[in-house]
């Protein structure tokens, strides 16, 4: 299974729920879904099980663009934290 992206509009934000495994092959699909929305945007990562290097890069990019994450697992949080460190740091 790759990813399943489901969009829901709440009263105060647009939510993208990302389920499964975020790989390089699916990263563009997530970016496309993100760019189709405007206003306050939230990524619900409760059921995201894994992200490869490109997937983590996309999550970092979206966070840098103001995405708010909910349901981020400790594992994915660690991957994002490691990606934020400079090489050798």
PDB file of N, CA and C in Angstrom:
ATOM      1  N   UNK A   1       0.840  -1.182   0.000  1.00  0.00           N
ATOM      2  CA  UNK A   1       0.000   0.000   0.000  1.00  0.00           C
ATOM      3  C   UNK A   1       0.881   1.240   0.000  1.00  0.00           C
ATOM      4  N   UNK A   2       0.525   2.187  -0.803  1.00  0.00           N
ATOM      5  CA  UNK A   2       1.215   3.477  -0.821  1.00  0.00           C
ATOM      6  C   UNK A   2       0.479   4.386   0.160  1.00  0.00           C
ATOM      7  N   UNK A   3       0.026   5.522  -0.286  1.00  0.00           N
ATOM      8  CA  UNK A   3      -0.711   6.412   0.606  1.00  0.00           C
ATOM      9  C   UNK A   3      -2.136   6.602   0.115  1.00  0.00           C
ATOM     10  N   UNK A   4      -2.973   6.970   1.063  1.00  0.00           N
ATOM     11  CA  UNK A   4      -4.332   7.395   0.780  1.00  0.00           C
ATOM     12  C   UNK A   4      -4.451   8.782   1.393  1.00  0.00           C
ATOM     13  N   UNK A   5      -4.839   9.748   0.575  1.00  0.00           N
ATOM     14  CA  UNK A   5      -4.988  11.119   1.038  1.00  0.00           C
ATOM     15  C   UNK A   5      -6.469  11.474   0.985  1.00  0.00           C
ATOM     16  N   UNK A   6      -6.993  11.885   2.130  1.00  0.00           N
ATOM     17  CA  UNK A   6      -8.397  12.246   2.232  1.00  0.00           C
ATOM     18  C   UNK A   6      -8.486  13.689   2.692  1.00  0.00           C
ATOM     19  N   UNK A   7      -9.292  14.464   2.001  1.00  0.00           N
ATOM     20  CA  UNK A   7      -9.456  15.875   2.366  1.00  0.00           C
ATOM     21  C   UNK A   7     -10.775  16.060   3.110  1.00  0.00           C
ATOM     22  N   UNK A   8     -10.697  16.859   4.163  1.00  0.00           N
ATOM     23  CA  UNK A   8     -11.906  17.221   4.896  1.00  0.00           C
ATOM     24  C   UNK A   8     -11.779  18.691   5.264  1.00  0.00           C
ATOM     25  N   UNK A   9     -12.874  19.393   5.184  1.00  0.00           N
ATOM     26  CA  UNK A   9     -12.883  20.815   5.530  1.00  0.00           C
ATOM     27  C   UNK A   9     -13.579  20.987   6.865  1.00  0.00           C
ATOM     28  N   UNK A  10     -12.815  21.417   7.868  1.00  0.00           N
ATOM     29  CA  UNK A  10     -13.373  21.735   9.180  1.00  0.00           C
ATOM     30  C   UNK A  10     -13.743  23.207   9.197  1.00  0.00           C
ATOM     31  N   UNK A  11     -14.357  23.636  10.273  1.00  0.00           N
ATOM     32  CA  UNK A  11     -14.795  25.029  10.383  1.00  0.00           C
ATOM     33  C   UNK A  11     -13.628  26.009  10.301  1.00  0.00           C
ATOM     34  N   UNK A  12     -12.468  25.624  10.852  1.00  0.00           N
ATOM     35  CA  UNK A  12     -11.359  26.568  10.905  1.00  0.00           C
ATOM     36  C   UNK A  12     -10.146  26.175  10.079  1.00  0.00           C
ATOM     37  N   UNK A  13     -10.207  25.039   9.385  1.00  0.00           N
ATOM     38  CA  UNK A  13      -9.031  24.610   8.614  1.00  0.00           C
ATOM     39  C   UNK A  13      -9.415  23.560   7.580  1.00  0.00           C
ATOM     40  N   UNK A  14      -8.552  23.430   6.584  1.00  0.00           N
ATOM     41  CA  UNK A  14      -8.640  22.336   5.622  1.00  0.00           C
ATOM     42  C   UNK A  14      -7.694  21.250   6.132  1.00  0.00           C
ATOM     43  N   UNK A  15      -8.170  20.023   6.159  1.00  0.00           N
ATOM     44  CA  UNK A  15      -7.381  18.927   6.717  1.00  0.00           C
ATOM     45  C   UNK A  15      -7.111  17.895   5.632  1.00  0.00           C
ATOM     46  N   UNK A  16      -5.840  17.519   5.509  1.00  0.00           N
ATOM     47  CA  UNK A  16      -5.461  16.386   4.669  1.00  0.00           C
ATOM     48  C   UNK A  16      -5.051  15.257   5.593  1.00  0.00           C
ATOM     49  N   UNK A  17      -5.779  14.149   5.513  1.00  0.00           N
ATOM     50  CA  UNK A  17      -5.431  12.966   6.299  1.00  0.00           C
ATOM     51  C   UNK A  17      -4.607  12.067   5.398  1.00  0.00           C
ATOM     52  N   UNK A  18      -3.416  11.716   5.872  1.00  0.00           N
ATOM     53  CA  UNK A  18      -2.479  10.916   5.087  1.00  0.00           C
ATOM     54  C   UNK A  18      -2.320   9.565   5.778  1.00  0.00           C
ATOM     55  N   UNK A  19      -2.702   8.504   5.082  1.00  0.00           N
ATOM     56  CA  UNK A  19      -2.629   7.147   5.628  1.00  0.00           C
ATOM     57  C   UNK A  19      -1.661   6.316   4.807  1.00  0.00           C
ATOM     58  N   UNK A  20      -0.893   5.456   5.485  1.00  0.00           N
ATOM     59  CA  UNK A  20      -0.065   4.491   4.772  1.00  0.00           C
ATOM     60  C   UNK A  20       1.405   4.808   4.817  1.00  0.00           C
ATOM     61  N   UNK A  21       2.044   4.711   3.644  1.00  0.00           N
ATOM     62  CA  UNK A  21       3.488   4.824   3.511  1.00  0.00           C
ATOM     63  C   UNK A  21       3.801   5.902   2.478  1.00  0.00           C
ATOM     64  N   UNK A  22       4.429   6.975   2.918  1.00  0.00           N
ATOM     65  CA  UNK A  22       4.748   8.105   2.033  1.00  0.00           C
ATOM     66  C   UNK A  22       6.114   7.876   1.403  1.00  0.00           C
ATOM     67  N   UNK A  23       6.096   7.541   0.132  1.00  0.00           N
ATOM     68  CA  UNK A  23       7.342   7.271  -0.588  1.00  0.00           C
ATOM     69  C   UNK A  23       7.573   8.354  -1.636  1.00  0.00           C
ATOM     70  N   UNK A  24       8.733   8.311  -2.238  1.00  0.00           N
ATOM     71  CA  UNK A  24       9.085   9.274  -3.282  1.00  0.00           C
ATOM     72  C   UNK A  24       8.045   9.279  -4.394  1.00  0.00           C
ATOM     73  N   UNK A  25       7.512   8.109  -4.708  1.00  0.00           N
ATOM     74  CA  UNK A  25       6.528   8.004  -5.790  1.00  0.00           C
ATOM     75  C   UNK A  25       5.237   8.743  -5.470  1.00  0.00           C
ATOM     76  N   UNK A  26       4.932   8.900  -4.182  1.00  0.00           N
ATOM     77  CA  UNK A  26       3.673   9.524  -3.772  1.00  0.00           C
ATOM     78  C   UNK A  26       3.833  10.964  -3.304  1.00  0.00           C
ATOM     79  N   UNK A  27       5.057  11.420  -3.174  1.00  0.00           N
ATOM     80  CA  UNK A  27       5.317  12.752  -2.631  1.00  0.00           C
ATOM     81  C   UNK A  27       4.655  13.849  -3.462  1.00  0.00           C
ATOM     82  N   UNK A  28       4.706  13.717  -4.775  1.00  0.00           N
ATOM     83  CA  UNK A  28       4.100  14.737  -5.636  1.00  0.00           C
ATOM     84  C   UNK A  28       2.583  14.787  -5.463  1.00  0.00           C
ATOM     85  N   UNK A  29       1.963  13.634  -5.207  1.00  0.00           N
ATOM     86  CA  UNK A  29       0.517  13.600  -4.978  1.00  0.00           C
ATOM     87  C   UNK A  29       0.160  14.398  -3.722  1.00  0.00           C
ATOM     88  N   UNK A  30       0.954  14.244  -2.663  1.00  0.00           N
ATOM     89  CA  UNK A  30       0.712  15.002  -1.435  1.00  0.00           C
ATOM     90  C   UNK A  30       0.929  16.495  -1.679  1.00  0.00           C
ATOM     91  N   UNK A  31       1.982  16.854  -2.368  1.00  0.00           N
ATOM     92  CA  UNK A  31       2.223  18.270  -2.675  1.00  0.00           C
ATOM     93  C   UNK A  31       1.094  18.859  -3.508  1.00  0.00           C
ATOM     94  N   UNK A  32       0.621  18.113  -4.481  1.00  0.00           N
ATOM     95  CA  UNK A  32      -0.470  18.582  -5.330  1.00  0.00           C
ATOM     96  C   UNK A  32      -1.735  18.821  -4.493  1.00  0.00           C
ATOM     97  N   UNK A  33      -2.062  17.883  -3.609  1.00  0.00           N
ATOM     98  CA  UNK A  33      -3.240  18.041  -2.754  1.00  0.00           C
ATOM     99  C   UNK A  33      -3.087  19.258  -1.846  1.00  0.00           C
ATOM    100  N   UNK A  34      -1.879  19.458  -1.342  1.00  0.00           N
ATOM    101  CA  UNK A  34      -1.609  20.610  -0.465  1.00  0.00           C
ATOM    102  C   UNK A  34      -1.827  21.919  -1.219  1.00  0.00           C
ATOM    103  N   UNK A  35      -1.304  22.017  -2.425  1.00  0.00           N
ATOM    104  CA  UNK A  35      -1.374  23.257  -3.194  1.00  0.00           C
ATOM    105  C   UNK A  35      -2.777  23.543  -3.706  1.00  0.00           C
ATOM    106  N   UNK A  36      -3.643  22.549  -3.738  1.00  0.00           N
ATOM    107  CA  UNK A  36      -5.026  22.764  -4.169  1.00  0.00           C
ATOM    108  C   UNK A  36      -5.858  23.467  -3.096  1.00  0.00           C
ATOM    109  N   UNK A  37      -5.348  23.507  -1.880  1.00  0.00           N
ATOM    110  CA  UNK A  37      -6.072  24.125  -0.775  1.00  0.00           C
ATOM    111  C   UNK A  37      -5.513  25.515  -0.501  1.00  0.00           C
ATOM    112  N   UNK A  38      -6.338  26.343   0.116  1.00  0.00           N
ATOM    113  CA  UNK A  38      -5.894  27.662   0.551  1.00  0.00           C
ATOM    114  C   UNK A  38      -6.279  27.835   2.012  1.00  0.00           C
ATOM    115  N   UNK A  39      -5.778  28.881   2.617  1.00  0.00           N
ATOM    116  CA  UNK A  39      -6.125  29.157   4.010  1.00  0.00           C
ATOM    117  C   UNK A  39      -5.349  28.279   4.972  1.00  0.00           C
ATOM    118  N   UNK A  40      -5.892  28.105   6.147  1.00  0.00           N
ATOM    119  CA  UNK A  40      -5.247  27.307   7.200  1.00  0.00           C
ATOM    120  C   UNK A  40      -5.326  25.829   6.816  1.00  0.00           C
ATOM    121  N   UNK A  41      -4.153  25.179   6.813  1.00  0.00           N
ATOM    122  CA  UNK A  41      -4.082  23.783   6.385  1.00  0.00           C
ATOM    123  C   UNK A  41      -3.417  22.930   7.461  1.00  0.00           C
ATOM    124  N   UNK A  42      -3.994  21.754   7.660  1.00  0.00           N
ATOM    125  CA  UNK A  42      -3.519  20.817   8.672  1.00  0.00           C
ATOM    126  C   UNK A  42      -3.267  19.475   8.003  1.00  0.00           C
ATOM    127  N   UNK A  43      -2.173  18.834   8.385  1.00  0.00           N
ATOM    128  CA  UNK A  43      -1.903  17.461   7.948  1.00  0.00           C
ATOM    129  C   UNK A  43      -2.166  16.535   9.121  1.00  0.00           C
ATOM    130  N   UNK A  44      -3.120  15.633   8.961  1.00  0.00           N
ATOM    131  CA  UNK A  44      -3.409  14.623   9.967  1.00  0.00           C
ATOM    132  C   UNK A  44      -2.585  13.393   9.614  1.00  0.00           C
ATOM    133  N   UNK A  45      -1.561  13.143  10.411  1.00  0.00           N
ATOM    134  CA  UNK A  45      -0.618  12.058  10.135  1.00  0.00           C
ATOM    135  C   UNK A  45      -0.815  10.882  11.084  1.00  0.00           C
ATOM    136  N   UNK A  46      -1.981  10.805  11.711  1.00  0.00           N
ATOM    137  CA  UNK A  46      -2.261   9.762  12.692  1.00  0.00           C
ATOM    138  C   UNK A  46      -1.998   8.370  12.134  1.00  0.00           C
ATOM    139  N   UNK A  47      -2.368   8.129  10.888  1.00  0.00           N
ATOM    140  CA  UNK A  47      -2.225   6.798  10.295  1.00  0.00           C
ATOM    141  C   UNK A  47      -1.133   6.718   9.239  1.00  0.00           C
ATOM    142  N   UNK A  48      -0.218   7.683   9.260  1.00  0.00           N
ATOM    143  CA  UNK A  48       0.956   7.596   8.393  1.00  0.00           C
ATOM    144  C   UNK A  48       1.980   6.728   9.108  1.00  0.00           C
ATOM    145  N   UNK A  49       2.334   5.611   8.514  1.00  0.00           N
ATOM    146  CA  UNK A  49       3.190   4.621   9.164  1.00  0.00           C
ATOM    147  C   UNK A  49       4.672   4.794   8.876  1.00  0.00           C
ATOM    148  N   UNK A  50       4.998   5.354   7.712  1.00  0.00           N
ATOM    149  CA  UNK A  50       6.402   5.436   7.308  1.00  0.00           C
ATOM    150  C   UNK A  50       6.541   6.504   6.239  1.00  0.00           C
ATOM    151  N   UNK A  51       7.689   7.147   6.206  1.00  0.00           N
ATOM    152  CA  UNK A  51       8.031   8.066   5.120  1.00  0.00           C
ATOM    153  C   UNK A  51       9.492   7.823   4.763  1.00  0.00           C
ATOM    154  N   UNK A  52       9.756   7.661   3.475  1.00  0.00           N
ATOM    155  CA  UNK A  52      11.145   7.504   3.038  1.00  0.00           C
ATOM    156  C   UNK A  52      11.804   8.887   3.015  1.00  0.00           C
ATOM    157  N   UNK A  53      13.033   8.944   2.555  1.00  0.00           N
ATOM    158  CA  UNK A  53      13.796  10.201   2.579  1.00  0.00           C
ATOM    159  C   UNK A  53      13.052  11.323   1.854  1.00  0.00           C
ATOM    160  N   UNK A  54      12.529  11.050   0.691  1.00  0.00           N
ATOM    161  CA  UNK A  54      11.780  12.070  -0.070  1.00  0.00           C
ATOM    162  C   UNK A  54      10.492  12.443   0.656  1.00  0.00           C
ATOM    163  N   UNK A  55       9.823  11.461   1.233  1.00  0.00           N
ATOM    164  CA  UNK A  55       8.603  11.730   1.988  1.00  0.00           C
ATOM    165  C   UNK A  55       8.868  12.642   3.177  1.00  0.00           C
ATOM    166  N   UNK A  56       9.943  12.380   3.909  1.00  0.00           N
ATOM    167  CA  UNK A  56      10.323  13.243   5.033  1.00  0.00           C
ATOM    168  C   UNK A  56      10.645  14.641   4.517  1.00  0.00           C
ATOM    169  N   UNK A  57      11.321  14.716   3.375  1.00  0.00           N
ATOM    170  CA  UNK A  57      11.634  16.018   2.787  1.00  0.00           C
ATOM    171  C   UNK A  57      10.377  16.810   2.458  1.00  0.00           C
ATOM    172  N   UNK A  58       9.364  16.139   1.950  1.00  0.00           N
ATOM    173  CA  UNK A  58       8.097  16.811   1.632  1.00  0.00           C
ATOM    174  C   UNK A  58       7.417  17.279   2.914  1.00  0.00           C
ATOM    175  N   UNK A  59       7.431  16.454   3.941  1.00  0.00           N
ATOM    176  CA  UNK A  59       6.834  16.870   5.215  1.00  0.00           C
ATOM    177  C   UNK A  59       7.562  18.097   5.769  1.00  0.00           C
ATOM    178  N   UNK A  60       8.875  18.113   5.676  1.00  0.00           N
ATOM    179  CA  UNK A  60       9.654  19.277   6.125  1.00  0.00           C
ATOM    180  C   UNK A  60       9.282  20.516   5.318  1.00  0.00           C
ATOM    181  N   UNK A  61       9.166  20.335   4.010  1.00  0.00           N
ATOM    182  CA  UNK A  61       8.810  21.461   3.134  1.00  0.00           C
ATOM    183  C   UNK A  61       7.444  22.021   3.506  1.00  0.00           C
ATOM    184  N   UNK A  62       6.479  21.138   3.722  1.00  0.00           N
ATOM    185  CA  UNK A  62       5.137  21.600   4.062  1.00  0.00           C
ATOM    186  C   UNK A  62       5.105  22.257   5.436  1.00  0.00           C
ATOM    187  N   UNK A  63       5.858  21.724   6.367  1.00  0.00           N
ATOM    188  CA  UNK A  63       5.948  22.353   7.688  1.00  0.00           C
ATOM    189  C   UNK A  63       6.533  23.757   7.544  1.00  0.00           C
ATOM    190  N   UNK A  64       7.541  23.902   6.687  1.00  0.00           N
ATOM    191  CA  UNK A  64       8.136  25.209   6.439  1.00  0.00           C
ATOM    192  C   UNK A  64       7.178  26.179   5.790  1.00  0.00           C
ATOM    193  N   UNK A  65       6.177  25.654   5.104  1.00  0.00           N
ATOM    194  CA  UNK A  65       5.165  26.495   4.458  1.00  0.00           C
ATOM    195  C   UNK A  65       3.969  26.750   5.362  1.00  0.00           C
ATOM    196  N   UNK A  66       4.091  26.325   6.624  1.00  0.00           N
ATOM    197  CA  UNK A  66       3.042  26.634   7.595  1.00  0.00           C
ATOM    198  C   UNK A  66       2.093  25.502   7.922  1.00  0.00           C
ATOM    199  N   UNK A  67       2.357  24.309   7.437  1.00  0.00           N
ATOM    200  CA  UNK A  67       1.475  23.185   7.758  1.00  0.00           C
ATOM    201  C   UNK A  67       1.536  22.898   9.246  1.00  0.00           C
ATOM    202  N   UNK A  68       0.392  22.646   9.810  1.00  0.00           N
ATOM    203  CA  UNK A  68       0.313  22.187  11.189  1.00  0.00           C
ATOM    204  C   UNK A  68       0.103  20.678  11.144  1.00  0.00           C
ATOM    205  N   UNK A  69       0.879  19.946  11.923  1.00  0.00           N
ATOM    206  CA  UNK A  69       0.762  18.493  11.962  1.00  0.00           C
ATOM    207  C   UNK A  69      -0.029  18.085  13.193  1.00  0.00           C
ATOM    208  N   UNK A  70      -0.905  17.112  13.019  1.00  0.00           N
ATOM    209  CA  UNK A  70      -1.557  16.459  14.153  1.00  0.00           C
ATOM    210  C   UNK A  70      -1.329  14.961  13.987  1.00  0.00           C
ATOM    211  N   UNK A  71      -1.225  14.264  15.107  1.00  0.00           N
ATOM    212  CA  UNK A  71      -1.076  12.815  15.075  1.00  0.00           C
ATOM    213  C   UNK A  71       0.284  12.331  14.614  1.00  0.00           C
ATOM    214  N   UNK A  72       1.304  13.164  14.725  1.00  0.00           N
ATOM    215  CA  UNK A  72       2.649  12.776  14.294  1.00  0.00           C
ATOM    216  C   UNK A  72       3.204  11.739  15.261  1.00  0.00           C
ATOM    217  N   UNK A  73       3.576  10.585  14.745  1.00  0.00           N
ATOM    218  CA  UNK A  73       4.105   9.524  15.597  1.00  0.00           C
ATOM    219  C   UNK A  73       5.499   9.902  16.097  1.00  0.00           C
ATOM    220  N   UNK A  74       5.911   9.334  17.227  1.00  0.00           N
ATOM    221  CA  UNK A  74       7.268   9.591  17.707  1.00  0.00           C
ATOM    222  C   UNK A  74       8.322   9.208  16.667  1.00  0.00           C
ATOM    223  N   UNK A  75       8.083   8.128  15.934  1.00  0.00           N
ATOM    224  CA  UNK A  75       9.027   7.686  14.903  1.00  0.00           C
ATOM    225  C   UNK A  75       9.191   8.745  13.817  1.00  0.00           C
ATOM    226  N   UNK A  76       8.076   9.225  13.278  1.00  0.00           N
ATOM    227  CA  UNK A  76       8.165  10.243  12.227  1.00  0.00           C
ATOM    228  C   UNK A  76       8.688  11.563  12.776  1.00  0.00           C
ATOM    229  N   UNK A  77       8.353  11.868  14.017  1.00  0.00           N
ATOM    230  CA  UNK A  77       8.905  13.062  14.645  1.00  0.00           C
ATOM    231  C   UNK A  77      10.421  12.993  14.721  1.00  0.00           C
ATOM    232  N   UNK A  78      10.934  11.810  15.043  1.00  0.00           N
ATOM    233  CA  UNK A  78      12.381  11.613  15.101  1.00  0.00           C
ATOM    234  C   UNK A  78      13.012  11.766  13.718  1.00  0.00           C
ATOM    235  N   UNK A  79      12.362  11.205  12.688  1.00  0.00           N
ATOM    236  CA  UNK A  79      12.879  11.354  11.326  1.00  0.00           C
ATOM    237  C   UNK A  79      12.936  12.828  10.923  1.00  0.00           C
ATOM    238  N   UNK A  80      11.900  13.582  11.258  1.00  0.00           N
ATOM    239  CA  UNK A  80      11.890  15.013  10.934  1.00  0.00           C
ATOM    240  C   UNK A  80      12.973  15.755  11.718  1.00  0.00           C
ATOM    241  N   UNK A  81      13.140  15.394  12.975  1.00  0.00           N
ATOM    242  CA  UNK A  81      14.170  16.029  13.789  1.00  0.00           C
ATOM    243  C   UNK A  81      15.558  15.750  13.221  1.00  0.00           C
ATOM    244  N   UNK A  82      15.798  14.514  12.818  1.00  0.00           N
ATOM    245  CA  UNK A  82      17.100  14.173  12.229  1.00  0.00           C
ATOM    246  C   UNK A  82      17.309  14.905  10.921  1.00  0.00           C
ATOM    247  N   UNK A  83      16.266  15.075  10.136  1.00  0.00           N
ATOM    248  CA  UNK A  83      16.389  15.768   8.849  1.00  0.00           C
ATOM    249  C   UNK A  83      16.673  17.248   9.053  1.00  0.00           C
ATOM    250  N   UNK A  84      16.282  17.783  10.207  1.00  0.00           N
ATOM    251  CA  UNK A  84      16.509  19.202  10.495  1.00  0.00           C
ATOM    252  C   UNK A  84      17.944  19.483  10.907  1.00  0.00           C
ATOM    253  N   UNK A  85      18.661  18.462  11.343  1.00  0.00           N
ATOM    254  CA  UNK A  85      20.040  18.650  11.798  1.00  0.00           C
ATOM    255  C   UNK A  85      20.981  18.816  10.614  1.00  0.00           C
ATOM    256  N   UNK A  86      21.965  19.679  10.761  1.00  0.00           N
ATOM    257  CA  UNK A  86      22.971  19.786   9.698  1.00  0.00           C
ATOM    258  C   UNK A  86      23.809  18.513   9.655  1.00  0.00           C
ATOM    259  N   UNK A  87      24.338  18.163   8.493  1.00  0.00           N
ATOM    260  CA  UNK A  87      25.187  16.973   8.392  1.00  0.00           C
ATOM    261  C   UNK A  87      26.324  17.040   9.399  1.00  0.00           C
ATOM    262  N   UNK A  88      26.553  15.907  10.065  1.00  0.00           N
ATOM    263  CA  UNK A  88      27.612  15.828  11.052  1.00  0.00           C
ATOM    264  C   UNK A  88      27.249  16.443  12.382  1.00  0.00           C
ATOM    265  N   UNK A  89      25.969  16.922  12.516  1.00  0.00           N
ATOM    266  CA  UNK A  89      25.567  17.610  13.735  1.00  0.00           C
ATOM    267  C   UNK A  89      24.845  16.772  14.709  1.00  0.00           C
TER     268      UNK A  89
END
